Amino acid sequence: MTLDELFSAAREAMAKSHSPYSKFPVGAAILTEDGQVFAGANMEVVAFPEGWCAETSALAHYVMGGGGQITDICVTAERLDECTPCGGCRQRLAEFAPADARLHLTDQKGITKTMTMAEILPLGFKTEILSK
């Protein structure tokens, strides 16, 4: 899977967004080291803020699909270049992706910026402290 194909998977997911209130479709795609792709779109409901972000939707597919080592995450939005995950999604992604997993931000044509999960969430909660 190339990064262009990961971007395409995020764009295809974005096309399935259910965002009638904000009119702000977002798509996300997660790539695992064994080549699996898990994509998701944001889904809004009238009971704000009970909808799902695209990253959350992609993570749900990832978990239900058996997971794996996450290497890359791509986030794309229709109306905002380099749309980053919200704070909640940064923590959700950090629960499953290692600190060195690459997060790719896009414009309408492709990936424009790449950073790591450690860069986007340097002081996230660490799950290992809960098991002590």
Protein backbone atom coordinates (compact mmCIF):
# COMPACT_ATOMS: atom_id res chain seq x y z
CA MET A 1 0.00 0.00 0.00
CA THR A 2 1.43 3.35 -1.01
CA LEU A 3 0.76 6.59 0.83
CA ASP A 4 -1.20 7.79 -2.22
CA GLU A 5 -3.46 4.75 -1.81
CA LEU A 6 -3.84 5.49 1.91
CA PHE A 7 -4.84 9.06 1.02
CA SER A 8 -7.36 7.66 -1.49
CA ALA A 9 -8.83 5.39 1.19
CA ALA A 10 -9.29 8.38 3.50
CA ARG A 11 -10.91 10.40 0.68
CA GLU A 12 -13.24 7.51 -0.19
CA ALA A 13 -14.26 7.27 3.47
CA MET A 14 -14.82 11.03 3.61
CA ALA A 15 -17.27 10.69 0.72
CA LYS A 16 -19.41 8.53 3.03
CA SER A 17 -19.46 11.10 5.85
CA HIS A 18 -22.78 11.81 7.51
CA SER A 19 -22.34 15.48 8.39
CA PRO A 20 -25.70 17.20 7.74
CA TYR A 21 -25.28 19.76 10.53
CA SER A 22 -21.69 20.96 10.26
CA LYS A 23 -21.34 20.22 6.53
CA PHE A 24 -17.72 19.36 7.42
CA PRO A 25 -16.92 15.88 6.04
CA VAL A 26 -13.75 14.22 7.28
CA GLY A 27 -12.16 10.87 6.41
CA ALA A 28 -9.41 8.88 8.06
CA ALA A 29 -7.51 5.75 7.11
CA ILE A 30 -5.25 3.60 9.29
CA LEU A 31 -2.53 1.36 7.84
CA THR A 32 -1.05 -1.57 9.73
CA GLU A 33 2.36 -3.11 9.17
CA ASP A 34 0.76 -6.14 7.52
CA GLY A 35 -0.92 -3.93 4.89
CA GLN A 36 -4.45 -3.80 6.27
CA VAL A 37 -6.35 -0.52 5.87
CA PHE A 38 -9.15 0.57 8.16
CA ALA A 39 -11.04 3.67 7.11
CA GLY A 40 -13.78 5.76 8.65
CA ALA A 41 -15.80 8.94 8.21
CA ASN A 42 -17.33 11.35 10.68
CA MET A 43 -20.95 10.73 11.57
CA GLU A 44 -23.09 13.41 13.17
CA VAL A 45 -26.36 13.02 15.04
CA VAL A 46 -28.69 15.73 16.25
CA ALA A 47 -27.83 14.93 19.91
CA PHE A 48 -24.63 17.00 19.98
CA PRO A 49 -21.84 16.01 20.65
CA GLU A 50 -22.75 12.34 20.36
CA GLY A 51 -21.45 11.84 16.82
CA TRP A 52 -18.21 10.10 15.86
CA CYS A 53 -15.09 11.65 14.41
CA ALA A 54 -13.57 9.99 11.35
CA GLU A 55 -10.60 8.78 13.37
CA THR A 56 -12.92 7.16 15.93
CA SER A 57 -14.85 5.45 13.15
CA ALA A 58 -11.61 4.16 11.60
CA LEU A 59 -10.43 2.90 15.00
CA ALA A 60 -13.71 1.04 15.47
CA HIS A 61 -13.14 -0.75 12.16
CA TYR A 62 -9.52 -1.40 13.19
CA VAL A 63 -10.53 -3.02 16.49
CA MET A 64 -13.34 -5.04 14.94
CA GLY A 65 -10.99 -6.13 12.15
CA GLY A 66 -8.44 -7.58 14.55
CA GLY A 67 -6.06 -4.66 14.81
CA GLY A 68 -2.34 -4.94 14.22
CA GLN A 69 0.68 -2.66 14.51
CA ILE A 70 -0.32 0.79 13.21
CA THR A 71 2.34 2.41 11.03
CA ASP A 72 0.49 5.25 9.29
CA ILE A 73 -2.65 7.34 9.73
CA CYS A 74 -4.06 9.68 7.11
CA VAL A 75 -6.66 12.38 7.89
CA THR A 76 -8.37 14.46 5.24
CA ALA A 77 -11.16 17.03 5.23
CA GLU A 78 -13.18 18.49 2.40
CA ARG A 79 -12.99 22.11 3.51
CA LEU A 80 -9.80 22.37 5.58
CA ASP A 81 -6.26 21.64 4.46
CA GLU A 82 -4.08 19.83 6.99
CA CYS A 83 -7.00 19.02 9.29
CA THR A 84 -5.53 17.46 12.44
CA PRO A 85 -7.32 15.04 14.75
CA CYS A 86 -9.18 16.72 17.60
CA GLY A 87 -7.77 16.34 21.12
CA GLY A 88 -9.97 13.36 21.95
CA CYS A 89 -9.00 11.56 18.76
CA ARG A 90 -5.33 12.25 19.37
CA GLN A 91 -5.65 10.37 22.66
CA ARG A 92 -7.74 7.61 21.07
CA LEU A 93 -5.15 7.12 18.33
CA ALA A 94 -2.34 7.13 20.92
CA GLU A 95 -4.08 4.24 22.71
CA PHE A 96 -3.50 2.03 19.65
CA ALA A 97 -0.66 3.59 17.64
CA PRO A 98 2.97 3.74 18.78
CA ALA A 99 4.65 7.10 19.30
CA ASP A 100 6.56 6.72 16.02
CA ALA A 101 3.46 6.02 13.91
CA ARG A 102 3.26 8.57 11.09
CA LEU A 103 0.28 10.93 10.89
CA HIS A 104 -0.28 12.33 7.40
CA LEU A 105 -2.20 15.57 6.86
CA THR A 106 -3.53 16.50 3.44
CA ASP A 107 -4.95 19.07 1.11
CA GLN A 108 -7.38 18.18 -1.68
CA LYS A 109 -4.63 16.64 -3.84
CA GLY A 110 -2.59 14.57 -1.43
CA ILE A 111 -0.36 14.42 1.63
CA THR A 112 1.20 17.77 2.51
CA LYS A 113 2.65 17.19 5.98
CA THR A 114 3.79 14.17 7.97
CA MET A 115 4.42 14.07 11.69
CA THR A 116 4.55 11.37 14.36
CA MET A 117 2.00 10.60 17.04
CA ALA A 118 4.58 11.78 19.60
CA GLU A 119 4.71 15.16 17.86
CA ILE A 120 0.92 15.60 17.69
CA LEU A 121 0.36 14.41 21.28
CA PRO A 122 3.59 14.85 23.24
CA LEU A 123 2.03 14.60 26.70
CA GLY A 124 -0.81 12.12 26.16
CA PHE A 125 -2.00 9.83 28.92
CA LYS A 126 0.06 6.66 29.14
CA THR A 127 -1.99 3.47 29.44
CA GLU A 128 0.68 1.61 31.42
CA ILE A 129 0.12 3.80 34.49
CA LEU A 130 -3.39 2.36 34.83
CA SER A 131 -2.16 -1.21 35.20
CA LYS A 132 0.02 -0.57 38.28
